[in-house]
């Protein structure tokens, strides 16, 4: 399958946007959830989500894990990453989006059924990760040439 020319700039833009959102969430984690421009009452409650027990995995903030994941995706979805003839780059990109999507599904489950609140900023990061997943899975196998 020939890869359309929009794939590289789109995946790079999604990864950069995800990096920005995750950096914002990481800053909020290490400073105060008060810096989040988000509701803190009702179903939409960023503070409840970002301060819950599920906001850390093995003592590592989920926001930081997201930031590191999106930074890795910036490299893997850069023009260099897409052009690389090294098979490991394509494999790493695929493995990253599959593992990232699995983690996103767990986080959405935690928000809906454990925490009983949704963080809008987290949702933005989840949507960006889903976009990366769809595009990379659809167009990212092998060293297809750009159209």
C-alpha atoms as a PDB file:
ATOM      1  CA  UNK A   1       0.000   0.000   0.000  1.00  0.00           C
ATOM      2  CA  UNK A   2       1.271   3.437  -0.879  1.00  0.00           C
ATOM      3  CA  UNK A   3       1.318   5.853   2.031  1.00  0.00           C
ATOM      4  CA  UNK A   4      -0.439   9.194   1.332  1.00  0.00           C
ATOM      5  CA  UNK A   5       1.684  12.307   1.791  1.00  0.00           C
ATOM      6  CA  UNK A   6      -0.520  13.593   4.631  1.00  0.00           C
ATOM      7  CA  UNK A   7       0.412  10.687   6.947  1.00  0.00           C
ATOM      8  CA  UNK A   8       3.828  12.010   8.024  1.00  0.00           C
ATOM      9  CA  UNK A   9       2.840  15.607   8.874  1.00  0.00           C
ATOM     10  CA  UNK A  10      -0.427  14.481  10.462  1.00  0.00           C
ATOM     11  CA  UNK A  11       1.158  11.901  12.759  1.00  0.00           C
ATOM     12  CA  UNK A  12       3.927  14.342  13.665  1.00  0.00           C
ATOM     13  CA  UNK A  13       1.356  17.045  14.482  1.00  0.00           C
ATOM     14  CA  UNK A  14      -0.684  14.617  16.613  1.00  0.00           C
ATOM     15  CA  UNK A  15       2.453  13.556  18.502  1.00  0.00           C
ATOM     16  CA  UNK A  16       3.524  17.171  19.102  1.00  0.00           C
ATOM     17  CA  UNK A  17       0.029  18.136  20.278  1.00  0.00           C
ATOM     18  CA  UNK A  18       0.016  15.131  22.606  1.00  0.00           C
ATOM     19  CA  UNK A  19       3.402  16.161  23.963  1.00  0.00           C
ATOM     20  CA  UNK A  20       2.047  19.625  24.765  1.00  0.00           C
ATOM     21  CA  UNK A  21      -1.083  18.291  26.506  1.00  0.00           C
ATOM     22  CA  UNK A  22       0.907  15.704  28.454  1.00  0.00           C
ATOM     23  CA  UNK A  23       3.463  18.327  29.483  1.00  0.00           C
ATOM     24  CA  UNK A  24       0.597  20.482  30.786  1.00  0.00           C
ATOM     25  CA  UNK A  25      -0.806  17.529  32.760  1.00  0.00           C
ATOM     26  CA  UNK A  26       2.664  16.680  34.084  1.00  0.00           C
ATOM     27  CA  UNK A  27       3.170  20.261  35.277  1.00  0.00           C
ATOM     28  CA  UNK A  28      -0.222  20.099  36.998  1.00  0.00           C
ATOM     29  CA  UNK A  29       0.748  16.834  38.664  1.00  0.00           C
ATOM     30  CA  UNK A  30       3.985  18.223  40.083  1.00  0.00           C
ATOM     31  CA  UNK A  31       2.591  21.626  41.052  1.00  0.00           C
ATOM     32  CA  UNK A  32      -1.134  21.806  41.696  1.00  0.00           C
ATOM     33  CA  UNK A  33      -4.262  20.587  39.932  1.00  0.00           C
ATOM     34  CA  UNK A  34      -5.490  24.175  40.325  1.00  0.00           C
ATOM     35  CA  UNK A  35      -3.475  25.095  37.196  1.00  0.00           C
ATOM     36  CA  UNK A  36      -5.760  22.912  35.077  1.00  0.00           C
ATOM     37  CA  UNK A  37      -8.338  24.891  33.114  1.00  0.00           C
ATOM     38  CA  UNK A  38     -11.062  22.335  33.772  1.00  0.00           C
ATOM     39  CA  UNK A  39     -14.121  21.827  35.908  1.00  0.00           C
ATOM     40  CA  UNK A  40     -13.630  20.363  39.349  1.00  0.00           C
ATOM     41  CA  UNK A  41     -17.239  19.452  40.044  1.00  0.00           C
ATOM     42  CA  UNK A  42     -19.623  16.840  38.694  1.00  0.00           C
ATOM     43  CA  UNK A  43     -18.760  14.248  36.081  1.00  0.00           C
ATOM     44  CA  UNK A  44     -16.129  16.487  34.485  1.00  0.00           C
ATOM     45  CA  UNK A  45     -13.571  16.747  37.274  1.00  0.00           C
ATOM     46  CA  UNK A  46      -9.946  16.989  36.199  1.00  0.00           C
ATOM     47  CA  UNK A  47      -8.754  17.423  39.766  1.00  0.00           C
ATOM     48  CA  UNK A  48     -10.400  14.206  40.955  1.00  0.00           C
ATOM     49  CA  UNK A  49      -8.910  12.276  38.025  1.00  0.00           C
ATOM     50  CA  UNK A  50      -5.394  13.738  38.216  1.00  0.00           C
ATOM     51  CA  UNK A  51      -5.139  13.246  41.980  1.00  0.00           C
ATOM     52  CA  UNK A  52      -6.721   9.780  42.127  1.00  0.00           C
ATOM     53  CA  UNK A  53      -4.836   6.605  42.983  1.00  0.00           C
ATOM     54  CA  UNK A  54      -5.026   5.746  39.273  1.00  0.00           C
ATOM     55  CA  UNK A  55      -3.028   8.880  38.366  1.00  0.00           C
ATOM     56  CA  UNK A  56       0.153   6.938  39.135  1.00  0.00           C
ATOM     57  CA  UNK A  57       1.446   3.543  38.048  1.00  0.00           C
ATOM     58  CA  UNK A  58       4.159   2.051  40.246  1.00  0.00           C
ATOM     59  CA  UNK A  59       4.700   5.529  41.697  1.00  0.00           C
ATOM     60  CA  UNK A  60       5.164   7.136  38.272  1.00  0.00           C
ATOM     61  CA  UNK A  61       2.633   9.798  37.275  1.00  0.00           C
ATOM     62  CA  UNK A  62       0.475   8.718  34.332  1.00  0.00           C
ATOM     63  CA  UNK A  63       0.910  12.229  32.914  1.00  0.00           C
ATOM     64  CA  UNK A  64       4.690  11.730  32.843  1.00  0.00           C
ATOM     65  CA  UNK A  65       4.287   8.331  31.176  1.00  0.00           C
ATOM     66  CA  UNK A  66       2.079  10.015  28.571  1.00  0.00           C
ATOM     67  CA  UNK A  67       4.651  12.755  28.042  1.00  0.00           C
ATOM     68  CA  UNK A  68       7.433  10.200  27.515  1.00  0.00           C
ATOM     69  CA  UNK A  69       5.215   8.165  25.161  1.00  0.00           C
ATOM     70  CA  UNK A  70       4.282  11.190  23.053  1.00  0.00           C
ATOM     71  CA  UNK A  71       7.945  12.307  22.930  1.00  0.00           C
ATOM     72  CA  UNK A  72       8.886   8.860  21.626  1.00  0.00           C
ATOM     73  CA  UNK A  73       6.084   9.155  19.068  1.00  0.00           C
ATOM     74  CA  UNK A  74       7.478  12.522  17.920  1.00  0.00           C
ATOM     75  CA  UNK A  75      10.704  10.732  16.992  1.00  0.00           C
ATOM     76  CA  UNK A  76       9.005   7.696  15.479  1.00  0.00           C
ATOM     77  CA  UNK A  77       6.562   9.859  13.485  1.00  0.00           C
ATOM     78  CA  UNK A  78       9.124  12.432  12.364  1.00  0.00           C
ATOM     79  CA  UNK A  79      10.016  12.502   8.671  1.00  0.00           C
ATOM     80  CA  UNK A  80      13.242  10.694   9.628  1.00  0.00           C
ATOM     81  CA  UNK A  81      11.268   8.028  11.484  1.00  0.00           C
ATOM     82  CA  UNK A  82       8.923   7.380   8.575  1.00  0.00           C
ATOM     83  CA  UNK A  83      11.789   7.326   6.024  1.00  0.00           C
ATOM     84  CA  UNK A  84      14.075   5.108   8.069  1.00  0.00           C
ATOM     85  CA  UNK A  85      14.949   1.872   6.290  1.00  0.00           C
ATOM     86  CA  UNK A  86      15.654   0.260   9.686  1.00  0.00           C
ATOM     87  CA  UNK A  87      12.946  -2.339  10.365  1.00  0.00           C
ATOM     88  CA  UNK A  88      13.119  -1.708  14.119  1.00  0.00           C
ATOM     89  CA  UNK A  89      11.724   1.828  13.653  1.00  0.00           C
ATOM     90  CA  UNK A  90       8.552   0.543  11.991  1.00  0.00           C
ATOM     91  CA  UNK A  91       8.245  -2.230  14.585  1.00  0.00           C
ATOM     92  CA  UNK A  92       8.771   0.252  17.441  1.00  0.00           C
ATOM     93  CA  UNK A  93       6.150   2.621  15.989  1.00  0.00           C
ATOM     94  CA  UNK A  94       3.616  -0.229  15.734  1.00  0.00           C
ATOM     95  CA  UNK A  95       4.435  -1.564  19.212  1.00  0.00           C
ATOM     96  CA  UNK A  96       4.180   1.926  20.670  1.00  0.00           C
ATOM     97  CA  UNK A  97       0.723   2.653  19.264  1.00  0.00           C
ATOM     98  CA  UNK A  98      -0.640  -0.750  20.274  1.00  0.00           C
ATOM     99  CA  UNK A  99       0.702  -0.486  23.830  1.00  0.00           C
ATOM    100  CA  UNK A 100      -0.361   3.160  24.025  1.00  0.00           C
ATOM    101  CA  UNK A 101      -3.893   2.292  22.958  1.00  0.00           C
ATOM    102  CA  UNK A 102      -4.091  -0.519  25.509  1.00  0.00           C
ATOM    103  CA  UNK A 103      -3.027   1.925  28.226  1.00  0.00           C
ATOM    104  CA  UNK A 104      -5.562   4.509  27.025  1.00  0.00           C
ATOM    105  CA  UNK A 105      -8.345   1.910  27.219  1.00  0.00           C
ATOM    106  CA  UNK A 106      -7.336   1.102  30.797  1.00  0.00           C
ATOM    107  CA  UNK A 107      -7.281   4.821  31.679  1.00  0.00           C
ATOM    108  CA  UNK A 108     -10.726   5.409  30.150  1.00  0.00           C
ATOM    109  CA  UNK A 109     -12.039   2.409  32.082  1.00  0.00           C
ATOM    110  CA  UNK A 110     -10.538   3.836  35.285  1.00  0.00           C
ATOM    111  CA  UNK A 111     -12.110   7.246  34.656  1.00  0.00           C
ATOM    112  CA  UNK A 112     -15.569   5.856  33.886  1.00  0.00           C
ATOM    113  CA  UNK A 113     -15.857   2.987  36.350  1.00  0.00           C
ATOM    114  CA  UNK A 114     -13.312   3.502  39.140  1.00  0.00           C
ATOM    115  CA  UNK A 115     -12.857   7.254  39.582  1.00  0.00           C
ATOM    116  CA  UNK A 116     -16.351   8.115  38.314  1.00  0.00           C
ATOM    117  CA  UNK A 117     -15.098  11.332  36.712  1.00  0.00           C
ATOM    118  CA  UNK A 118     -13.654  12.442  33.395  1.00  0.00           C
ATOM    119  CA  UNK A 119     -10.715  14.775  32.820  1.00  0.00           C
ATOM    120  CA  UNK A 120     -11.126  16.788  29.625  1.00  0.00           C
ATOM    121  CA  UNK A 121      -7.361  17.245  29.202  1.00  0.00           C
ATOM    122  CA  UNK A 122      -6.831  13.511  29.608  1.00  0.00           C
ATOM    123  CA  UNK A 123      -9.564  12.944  27.021  1.00  0.00           C
ATOM    124  CA  UNK A 124      -7.724  15.219  24.583  1.00  0.00           C
ATOM    125  CA  UNK A 125      -4.565  13.142  25.074  1.00  0.00           C
ATOM    126  CA  UNK A 126      -6.591   9.941  24.586  1.00  0.00           C
ATOM    127  CA  UNK A 127      -8.112  11.221  21.338  1.00  0.00           C
ATOM    128  CA  UNK A 128      -4.672  12.239  20.038  1.00  0.00           C
ATOM    129  CA  UNK A 129      -3.284   8.799  20.923  1.00  0.00           C
ATOM    130  CA  UNK A 130      -6.260   7.163  19.191  1.00  0.00           C
ATOM    131  CA  UNK A 131      -5.617   9.240  16.076  1.00  0.00           C
ATOM    132  CA  UNK A 132      -1.996   8.109  16.052  1.00  0.00           C
ATOM    133  CA  UNK A 133      -3.107   4.518  16.556  1.00  0.00           C
ATOM    134  CA  UNK A 134      -5.528   4.545  13.622  1.00  0.00           C
ATOM    135  CA  UNK A 135      -3.121   6.183  11.185  1.00  0.00           C
ATOM    136  CA  UNK A 136      -0.058   4.151  12.174  1.00  0.00           C
ATOM    137  CA  UNK A 137      -1.923   0.840  12.135  1.00  0.00           C
ATOM    138  CA  UNK A 138      -3.541   1.643   8.781  1.00  0.00           C
ATOM    139  CA  UNK A 139      -0.532   3.167   6.995  1.00  0.00           C
ATOM    140  CA  UNK A 140       2.469   2.322   9.116  1.00  0.00           C
ATOM    141  CA  UNK A 141       3.371  -1.248   8.317  1.00  0.00           C
ATOM    142  CA  UNK A 142       6.543  -1.769   6.384  1.00  0.00           C
ATOM    143  CA  UNK A 143       8.532   0.801   4.472  1.00  0.00           C
ATOM    144  CA  UNK A 144       5.803   1.955   2.113  1.00  0.00           C
ATOM    145  CA  UNK A 145       6.681   4.830  -0.151  1.00  0.00           C
ATOM    146  CA  UNK A 146       4.843   8.105   0.029  1.00  0.00           C
ATOM    147  CA  UNK A 147       2.369   8.932  -2.715  1.00  0.00           C
END
